[in-house]
Each structure stands twice: as structure tokens, then as C-alpha cells.
Amino acid sequence: LKQVFNKDKTFRPKRKFEPGTQRFELHKRAQASLNSGVDLKAAVQLPSGEDQNDWVAVHVVDFFNRINLIYGTICEFCTERTCPVMSGGPKYEYRWQDDIKYKKPTALPAPQYMNLLMDWIEVQINNEDIFPTSVGKCQEE
């Protein structure tokens, strides 16, 4: 288990919601509804009187945290040697492009692709312009 939770290697710390804030309360509500065996449609429905952008932000961060946990449990089995291609089965290959280091879609081993992807997502989630930490300050599209 130590290897699974080695945050330098696989696990990224969760973005936390400050206790006592409205987002923390929304997070608790989301957790309770998802753990209660309730209808998923009802579980993700916007609670009355809450800001839709805040509700979506809470779910995006929770989803990212859960994916990190899942990936952390399998990443030791998917190495550059055992997973030389990031694929979605035999018909689909994913290529990385970030317009910085990788200007064109580039084939990468799955672990390298996943690390770049998780780093990119983490940057987006931590960007105050996209996911502000203050409630009610999410930008409308």
C-alpha cells in the first residue's frame, strides 16, 4: 500500500474544500448522496438555491480525486515496457499535444501520457480563473 499512496510517484493530494465554507457543505452533500444508494440522476441534480457552477466544480474536483485514486492502484502494472502506447483498445491510440513541448499529436507510452494528462488537469483545477475557490465567482460561459 505504501507504493500506491506514494504521492511523489502516483498519488496526487486532493484539492480540499475549507470546512465551514459553502463549497465544503456542497461537497458533503454530494458525498452523502453518492454513498446512499440513491438514484444517480437525483444525486447530481443541482440542490435548490445553489449556484450551478459551484455544484459542477465540486463534482469535477471529486471526479479528479477519484480517478487519481483508481490510477494509483493500477499504475505499477502499466509501465513504459508493458504499456508502450496509450490506447483505448486495439482500434484507438491517444496522442499527446499541449502546444508547448508537444506541438503536434505525439505517441507516448501510457504512463507518460497519464502523468502529463493528470498534471494538465491539476493545473486547470487549480486555476482560479476556471475554478475559483470563492463560492459564486465561477464565470458564466
N, C-alpha and C. Protein backbone atom coordinates (compact mmCIF):
# COMPACT_ATOMS: atom_id res chain seq x y z
N LEU A 1 0.80 -1.20 0.00
CA LEU A 1 0.00 0.00 0.00
C LEU A 1 0.84 1.26 0.00
N LYS A 2 2.03 1.22 0.59
CA LYS A 2 2.88 2.41 0.61
C LYS A 2 3.15 2.90 -0.80
N GLN A 3 3.35 1.96 -1.72
CA GLN A 3 3.67 2.33 -3.09
C GLN A 3 2.48 2.99 -3.77
N VAL A 4 1.28 2.53 -3.47
CA VAL A 4 0.08 3.10 -4.08
C VAL A 4 -0.10 4.55 -3.63
N PHE A 5 0.21 4.85 -2.38
CA PHE A 5 -0.02 6.18 -1.86
C PHE A 5 1.24 7.03 -1.79
N ASN A 6 2.25 6.68 -2.57
CA ASN A 6 3.46 7.48 -2.66
C ASN A 6 3.13 8.68 -3.54
N LYS A 7 2.87 9.84 -2.91
CA LYS A 7 2.38 10.98 -3.68
C LYS A 7 3.40 11.53 -4.68
N ASP A 8 4.69 11.22 -4.47
CA ASP A 8 5.69 11.66 -5.44
C ASP A 8 5.64 10.81 -6.70
N LYS A 9 5.11 9.60 -6.59
CA LYS A 9 5.11 8.68 -7.71
C LYS A 9 3.75 8.56 -8.38
N THR A 10 2.70 8.37 -7.60
CA THR A 10 1.41 8.07 -8.20
C THR A 10 0.27 8.93 -7.72
N PHE A 11 0.21 9.19 -6.46
CA PHE A 11 -0.96 9.83 -5.88
C PHE A 11 -0.78 11.33 -5.79
N ARG A 12 -1.76 12.05 -6.18
CA ARG A 12 -1.73 13.50 -6.06
C ARG A 12 -2.68 13.88 -4.92
N PRO A 13 -2.28 14.81 -4.11
CA PRO A 13 -3.15 15.18 -2.99
C PRO A 13 -4.46 15.76 -3.49
N LYS A 14 -5.52 15.48 -2.75
CA LYS A 14 -6.83 16.00 -3.11
C LYS A 14 -6.85 17.51 -2.94
N ARG A 15 -7.59 18.15 -3.80
CA ARG A 15 -7.87 19.55 -3.57
C ARG A 15 -8.99 19.56 -2.55
N LYS A 16 -8.77 20.22 -1.46
CA LYS A 16 -9.72 20.17 -0.36
C LYS A 16 -10.60 21.41 -0.35
N PHE A 17 -11.76 21.24 0.21
CA PHE A 17 -12.68 22.34 0.42
C PHE A 17 -12.58 22.73 1.88
N GLU A 18 -12.45 24.01 2.14
CA GLU A 18 -12.28 24.50 3.51
C GLU A 18 -13.55 24.24 4.33
N PRO A 19 -13.40 23.58 5.48
CA PRO A 19 -14.57 23.37 6.35
C PRO A 19 -15.21 24.71 6.71
N GLY A 20 -16.53 24.68 6.75
CA GLY A 20 -17.26 25.89 7.09
C GLY A 20 -17.65 26.73 5.88
N THR A 21 -17.10 26.39 4.70
CA THR A 21 -17.46 27.15 3.51
C THR A 21 -18.67 26.51 2.83
N GLN A 22 -19.28 27.26 1.95
CA GLN A 22 -20.44 26.74 1.22
C GLN A 22 -20.02 25.57 0.31
N ARG A 23 -18.84 25.67 -0.29
CA ARG A 23 -18.37 24.57 -1.15
C ARG A 23 -18.14 23.30 -0.34
N PHE A 24 -17.65 23.44 0.90
CA PHE A 24 -17.46 22.28 1.76
C PHE A 24 -18.82 21.61 2.03
N GLU A 25 -19.83 22.43 2.28
CA GLU A 25 -21.18 21.89 2.52
C GLU A 25 -21.72 21.20 1.26
N LEU A 26 -21.47 21.79 0.08
CA LEU A 26 -21.88 21.15 -1.17
C LEU A 26 -21.15 19.82 -1.35
N HIS A 27 -19.86 19.80 -1.03
CA HIS A 27 -19.06 18.56 -1.13
C HIS A 27 -19.65 17.49 -0.21
N LYS A 28 -19.97 17.84 1.01
CA LYS A 28 -20.57 16.87 1.94
C LYS A 28 -21.89 16.34 1.40
N ARG A 29 -22.68 17.24 0.82
CA ARG A 29 -23.97 16.84 0.24
C ARG A 29 -23.77 15.87 -0.92
N ALA A 30 -22.80 16.18 -1.78
CA ALA A 30 -22.51 15.32 -2.92
C ALA A 30 -22.05 13.94 -2.44
N GLN A 31 -21.14 13.92 -1.47
CA GLN A 31 -20.64 12.65 -0.93
C GLN A 31 -21.77 11.83 -0.33
N ALA A 32 -22.61 12.47 0.46
CA ALA A 32 -23.71 11.76 1.12
C ALA A 32 -24.66 11.16 0.10
N SER A 33 -24.98 11.93 -0.94
CA SER A 33 -25.93 11.42 -1.93
C SER A 33 -25.32 10.29 -2.75
N LEU A 34 -24.02 10.37 -3.05
CA LEU A 34 -23.39 9.32 -3.85
C LEU A 34 -23.18 8.04 -3.05
N ASN A 35 -23.07 8.15 -1.74
CA ASN A 35 -22.84 6.97 -0.89
C ASN A 35 -24.13 6.37 -0.36
N SER A 36 -25.27 6.93 -0.69
CA SER A 36 -26.51 6.48 -0.08
C SER A 36 -27.29 5.48 -0.92
N GLY A 37 -26.78 5.13 -2.09
CA GLY A 37 -27.51 4.20 -2.95
C GLY A 37 -28.68 4.86 -3.65
N VAL A 38 -28.67 6.16 -3.69
CA VAL A 38 -29.74 6.96 -4.29
C VAL A 38 -29.62 6.93 -5.81
N ASP A 39 -30.70 7.22 -6.46
CA ASP A 39 -30.74 7.36 -7.92
C ASP A 39 -29.69 8.39 -8.34
N LEU A 40 -28.80 8.02 -9.28
CA LEU A 40 -27.72 8.92 -9.68
C LEU A 40 -28.24 10.23 -10.28
N LYS A 41 -29.33 10.17 -10.98
CA LYS A 41 -29.89 11.40 -11.55
C LYS A 41 -30.24 12.38 -10.44
N ALA A 42 -30.82 11.87 -9.37
CA ALA A 42 -31.16 12.73 -8.22
C ALA A 42 -29.90 13.17 -7.49
N ALA A 43 -28.88 12.32 -7.46
CA ALA A 43 -27.66 12.63 -6.73
C ALA A 43 -26.90 13.81 -7.33
N VAL A 44 -26.95 13.95 -8.64
CA VAL A 44 -26.20 15.02 -9.28
C VAL A 44 -27.06 16.25 -9.60
N GLN A 45 -28.34 16.17 -9.28
CA GLN A 45 -29.22 17.31 -9.53
C GLN A 45 -28.82 18.48 -8.65
N LEU A 46 -28.83 19.66 -9.22
CA LEU A 46 -28.47 20.88 -8.52
C LEU A 46 -29.41 21.09 -7.34
N PRO A 47 -28.83 21.19 -6.12
CA PRO A 47 -29.69 21.48 -4.96
C PRO A 47 -30.34 22.86 -5.10
N SER A 48 -31.53 22.96 -4.62
CA SER A 48 -32.28 24.21 -4.69
C SER A 48 -31.50 25.35 -4.04
N GLY A 49 -31.43 26.46 -4.76
CA GLY A 49 -30.78 27.65 -4.22
C GLY A 49 -29.27 27.68 -4.35
N GLU A 50 -28.66 26.66 -4.96
CA GLU A 50 -27.20 26.62 -5.09
C GLU A 50 -26.79 27.07 -6.49
N ASP A 51 -25.58 27.59 -6.59
CA ASP A 51 -25.03 28.04 -7.86
C ASP A 51 -24.60 26.83 -8.69
N GLN A 52 -25.05 26.75 -9.93
CA GLN A 52 -24.75 25.61 -10.79
C GLN A 52 -23.24 25.47 -11.02
N ASN A 53 -22.52 26.56 -11.22
CA ASN A 53 -21.08 26.46 -11.45
C ASN A 53 -20.34 25.92 -10.23
N ASP A 54 -20.77 26.31 -9.04
CA ASP A 54 -20.15 25.78 -7.82
C ASP A 54 -20.41 24.28 -7.70
N TRP A 55 -21.62 23.87 -8.01
CA TRP A 55 -22.00 22.46 -7.92
C TRP A 55 -21.19 21.62 -8.92
N VAL A 56 -21.05 22.13 -10.14
CA VAL A 56 -20.26 21.42 -11.15
C VAL A 56 -18.79 21.36 -10.72
N ALA A 57 -18.26 22.46 -10.20
CA ALA A 57 -16.86 22.49 -9.76
C ALA A 57 -16.59 21.45 -8.68
N VAL A 58 -17.50 21.32 -7.74
CA VAL A 58 -17.34 20.32 -6.67
C VAL A 58 -17.27 18.91 -7.28
N HIS A 59 -18.13 18.62 -8.22
CA HIS A 59 -18.15 17.29 -8.84
C HIS A 59 -16.92 17.05 -9.71
N VAL A 60 -16.44 18.06 -10.40
CA VAL A 60 -15.23 17.90 -11.22
C VAL A 60 -14.04 17.57 -10.34
N VAL A 61 -13.88 18.30 -9.25
CA VAL A 61 -12.76 18.04 -8.34
C VAL A 61 -12.88 16.66 -7.71
N ASP A 62 -14.08 16.28 -7.28
CA ASP A 62 -14.28 14.94 -6.71
C ASP A 62 -13.95 13.85 -7.72
N PHE A 63 -14.39 14.05 -8.96
CA PHE A 63 -14.11 13.07 -10.02
C PHE A 63 -12.61 12.94 -10.24
N PHE A 64 -11.91 14.07 -10.32
CA PHE A 64 -10.46 14.06 -10.48
C PHE A 64 -9.79 13.30 -9.33
N ASN A 65 -10.22 13.56 -8.11
CA ASN A 65 -9.63 12.88 -6.95
C ASN A 65 -9.87 11.37 -7.02
N ARG A 66 -11.05 10.97 -7.43
CA ARG A 66 -11.36 9.53 -7.52
C ARG A 66 -10.55 8.86 -8.63
N ILE A 67 -10.41 9.52 -9.76
CA ILE A 67 -9.60 8.97 -10.85
C ILE A 67 -8.15 8.82 -10.41
N ASN A 68 -7.64 9.80 -9.66
CA ASN A 68 -6.28 9.69 -9.13
C ASN A 68 -6.12 8.46 -8.26
N LEU A 69 -7.10 8.20 -7.42
CA LEU A 69 -7.02 7.01 -6.56
C LEU A 69 -7.04 5.73 -7.38
N ILE A 70 -7.92 5.68 -8.35
CA ILE A 70 -8.01 4.48 -9.19
C ILE A 70 -6.71 4.28 -9.97
N TYR A 71 -6.22 5.35 -10.59
CA TYR A 71 -4.98 5.25 -11.35
C TYR A 71 -3.81 4.84 -10.45
N GLY A 72 -3.80 5.35 -9.23
CA GLY A 72 -2.74 5.00 -8.28
C GLY A 72 -2.69 3.52 -7.97
N THR A 73 -3.82 2.84 -8.05
CA THR A 73 -3.84 1.41 -7.75
C THR A 73 -3.38 0.55 -8.91
N ILE A 74 -3.40 1.08 -10.12
CA ILE A 74 -3.02 0.25 -11.27
C ILE A 74 -1.73 0.67 -11.95
N CYS A 75 -1.21 1.85 -11.62
CA CYS A 75 -0.08 2.39 -12.39
C CYS A 75 1.18 1.54 -12.28
N GLU A 76 1.36 0.79 -11.20
CA GLU A 76 2.57 -0.03 -11.10
C GLU A 76 2.55 -1.19 -12.10
N PHE A 77 1.37 -1.53 -12.60
CA PHE A 77 1.25 -2.63 -13.55
C PHE A 77 1.35 -2.15 -15.00
N CYS A 78 1.27 -0.86 -15.18
CA CYS A 78 1.35 -0.29 -16.53
C CYS A 78 2.61 0.56 -16.61
N THR A 79 3.67 -0.04 -17.10
CA THR A 79 4.96 0.64 -17.22
C THR A 79 5.20 0.99 -18.68
N GLU A 80 6.28 1.71 -18.94
CA GLU A 80 6.59 2.04 -20.34
C GLU A 80 6.86 0.77 -21.14
N ARG A 81 7.32 -0.28 -20.46
CA ARG A 81 7.59 -1.53 -21.14
C ARG A 81 6.29 -2.31 -21.41
N THR A 82 5.40 -2.36 -20.40
CA THR A 82 4.17 -3.14 -20.56
C THR A 82 3.06 -2.38 -21.27
N CYS A 83 3.13 -1.05 -21.25
CA CYS A 83 2.11 -0.21 -21.90
C CYS A 83 2.81 0.85 -22.76
N PRO A 84 3.41 0.43 -23.86
CA PRO A 84 4.19 1.37 -24.67
C PRO A 84 3.33 2.37 -25.45
N VAL A 85 2.01 2.16 -25.48
CA VAL A 85 1.10 3.02 -26.23
C VAL A 85 -0.09 3.37 -25.34
N MET A 86 -0.53 4.61 -25.40
CA MET A 86 -1.76 5.00 -24.71
C MET A 86 -2.89 4.69 -25.66
N SER A 87 -3.66 3.67 -25.33
CA SER A 87 -4.70 3.25 -26.27
C SER A 87 -6.02 3.01 -25.56
N GLY A 88 -7.05 2.99 -26.37
CA GLY A 88 -8.41 2.66 -25.93
C GLY A 88 -8.82 1.40 -26.66
N GLY A 89 -8.06 0.34 -26.48
CA GLY A 89 -8.30 -0.90 -27.22
C GLY A 89 -7.47 -0.90 -28.48
N PRO A 90 -7.62 -1.95 -29.29
CA PRO A 90 -6.76 -2.09 -30.47
C PRO A 90 -7.04 -1.06 -31.58
N LYS A 91 -8.20 -0.44 -31.58
CA LYS A 91 -8.55 0.49 -32.66
C LYS A 91 -8.21 1.95 -32.36
N TYR A 92 -7.93 2.29 -31.11
CA TYR A 92 -7.76 3.70 -30.75
C TYR A 92 -6.43 3.94 -30.04
N GLU A 93 -5.70 4.93 -30.54
CA GLU A 93 -4.46 5.35 -29.90
C GLU A 93 -4.57 6.83 -29.58
N TYR A 94 -4.26 7.17 -28.34
CA TYR A 94 -4.31 8.56 -27.91
C TYR A 94 -2.92 9.16 -28.02
N ARG A 95 -2.86 10.37 -28.55
CA ARG A 95 -1.59 11.07 -28.70
C ARG A 95 -1.66 12.39 -27.94
N TRP A 96 -0.53 12.78 -27.37
CA TRP A 96 -0.48 13.98 -26.54
C TRP A 96 -0.07 15.21 -27.36
N GLN A 97 -0.80 16.30 -27.13
CA GLN A 97 -0.45 17.59 -27.72
C GLN A 97 -0.79 18.65 -26.69
N ASP A 98 0.19 19.49 -26.37
CA ASP A 98 -0.08 20.56 -25.41
C ASP A 98 0.29 21.94 -25.95
N ASP A 99 0.76 21.98 -27.18
CA ASP A 99 1.16 23.23 -27.85
C ASP A 99 2.30 23.96 -27.15
N ILE A 100 2.97 23.28 -26.22
CA ILE A 100 4.14 23.85 -25.55
C ILE A 100 5.35 22.98 -25.89
N LYS A 101 5.43 21.82 -25.25
CA LYS A 101 6.51 20.89 -25.54
C LYS A 101 6.13 19.97 -26.70
N TYR A 102 4.88 19.58 -26.76
CA TYR A 102 4.39 18.68 -27.81
C TYR A 102 3.48 19.49 -28.72
N LYS A 103 4.05 20.03 -29.78
CA LYS A 103 3.31 20.92 -30.69
C LYS A 103 2.40 20.14 -31.64
N LYS A 104 2.73 18.88 -31.88
CA LYS A 104 1.92 18.02 -32.73
C LYS A 104 1.51 16.80 -31.92
N PRO A 105 0.37 16.17 -32.27
CA PRO A 105 -0.02 14.95 -31.55
C PRO A 105 1.13 13.93 -31.57
N THR A 106 1.53 13.49 -30.36
CA THR A 106 2.71 12.65 -30.20
C THR A 106 2.36 11.36 -29.49
N ALA A 107 2.76 10.24 -30.06
CA ALA A 107 2.56 8.95 -29.41
C ALA A 107 3.50 8.85 -28.22
N LEU A 108 2.94 8.48 -27.07
CA LEU A 108 3.71 8.34 -25.84
C LEU A 108 3.33 7.05 -25.15
N PRO A 109 4.24 6.50 -24.33
CA PRO A 109 3.86 5.35 -23.50
C PRO A 109 2.73 5.79 -22.56
N ALA A 110 1.86 4.86 -22.23
CA ALA A 110 0.69 5.17 -21.41
C ALA A 110 1.03 5.87 -20.09
N PRO A 111 2.04 5.43 -19.33
CA PRO A 111 2.32 6.13 -18.07
C PRO A 111 2.73 7.60 -18.27
N GLN A 112 3.50 7.86 -19.30
CA GLN A 112 3.92 9.23 -19.57
C GLN A 112 2.71 10.08 -19.99
N TYR A 113 1.87 9.52 -20.83
CA TYR A 113 0.66 10.21 -21.26
C TYR A 113 -0.22 10.54 -20.04
N MET A 114 -0.42 9.55 -19.17
CA MET A 114 -1.27 9.75 -18.00
C MET A 114 -0.69 10.80 -17.06
N ASN A 115 0.62 10.79 -16.86
CA ASN A 115 1.23 11.80 -16.00
C ASN A 115 1.04 13.20 -16.57
N LEU A 116 1.23 13.34 -17.87
CA LEU A 116 1.00 14.65 -18.50
C LEU A 116 -0.47 15.07 -18.38
N LEU A 117 -1.36 14.11 -18.60
CA LEU A 117 -2.79 14.41 -18.52
C LEU A 117 -3.19 14.83 -17.10
N MET A 118 -2.76 14.08 -16.11
CA MET A 118 -3.12 14.40 -14.73
C MET A 118 -2.51 15.73 -14.30
N ASP A 119 -1.28 16.01 -14.74
CA ASP A 119 -0.67 17.31 -14.44
C ASP A 119 -1.47 18.44 -15.08
N TRP A 120 -1.88 18.24 -16.34
CA TRP A 120 -2.65 19.26 -17.05
C TRP A 120 -3.99 19.52 -16.35
N ILE A 121 -4.67 18.45 -15.98
CA ILE A 121 -5.96 18.60 -15.29
C ILE A 121 -5.77 19.32 -13.97
N GLU A 122 -4.73 18.96 -13.25
CA GLU A 122 -4.48 19.59 -11.96
C GLU A 122 -4.24 21.10 -12.12
N VAL A 123 -3.52 21.48 -13.17
CA VAL A 123 -3.29 22.91 -13.44
C VAL A 123 -4.63 23.60 -13.71
N GLN A 124 -5.51 22.95 -14.47
CA GLN A 124 -6.82 23.54 -14.77
C GLN A 124 -7.64 23.70 -13.50
N ILE A 125 -7.68 22.67 -12.68
CA ILE A 125 -8.47 22.71 -11.45
C ILE A 125 -7.94 23.76 -10.48
N ASN A 126 -6.62 23.96 -10.47
CA ASN A 126 -6.03 24.94 -9.55
C ASN A 126 -6.00 26.36 -10.13
N ASN A 127 -6.48 26.52 -11.35
CA ASN A 127 -6.54 27.84 -11.98
C ASN A 127 -7.75 28.60 -11.44
N GLU A 128 -7.49 29.65 -10.69
CA GLU A 128 -8.57 30.43 -10.07
C GLU A 128 -9.52 31.04 -11.09
N ASP A 129 -9.05 31.27 -12.32
CA ASP A 129 -9.93 31.83 -13.35
C ASP A 129 -10.95 30.81 -13.83
N ILE A 130 -10.61 29.53 -13.72
CA ILE A 130 -11.51 28.47 -14.17
C ILE A 130 -12.31 27.90 -13.00
N PHE A 131 -11.62 27.63 -11.89
CA PHE A 131 -12.23 27.05 -10.69
C PHE A 131 -11.92 27.93 -9.48
N PRO A 132 -12.58 29.08 -9.37
CA PRO A 132 -12.29 29.94 -8.22
C PRO A 132 -12.66 29.24 -6.91
N THR A 133 -11.90 29.52 -5.88
CA THR A 133 -12.18 28.88 -4.60
C THR A 133 -13.27 29.61 -3.83
N SER A 134 -13.59 30.82 -4.21
CA SER A 134 -14.66 31.55 -3.55
C SER A 134 -15.98 31.18 -4.20
N VAL A 135 -16.96 30.88 -3.39
CA VAL A 135 -18.27 30.47 -3.88
C VAL A 135 -18.93 31.60 -4.65
N GLY A 136 -19.61 31.22 -5.74
CA GLY A 136 -20.37 32.19 -6.51
C GLY A 136 -19.54 33.02 -7.45
N LYS A 137 -18.24 32.72 -7.62
CA LYS A 137 -17.40 33.51 -8.50
C LYS A 137 -17.03 32.78 -9.78
N CYS A 138 -17.64 31.63 -10.06
CA CYS A 138 -17.38 30.92 -11.31
C CYS A 138 -17.90 31.77 -12.46
N GLN A 139 -17.16 31.77 -13.54
CA GLN A 139 -17.55 32.58 -14.69
C GLN A 139 -18.61 31.89 -15.50
N GLU A 140 -19.54 32.65 -16.00
CA GLU A 140 -20.55 32.13 -16.91
C GLU A 140 -19.97 32.05 -18.30
N GLU A 141 -20.35 31.04 -19.07
CA GLU A 141 -19.87 30.93 -20.46
C GLU A 141 -20.74 31.73 -21.37
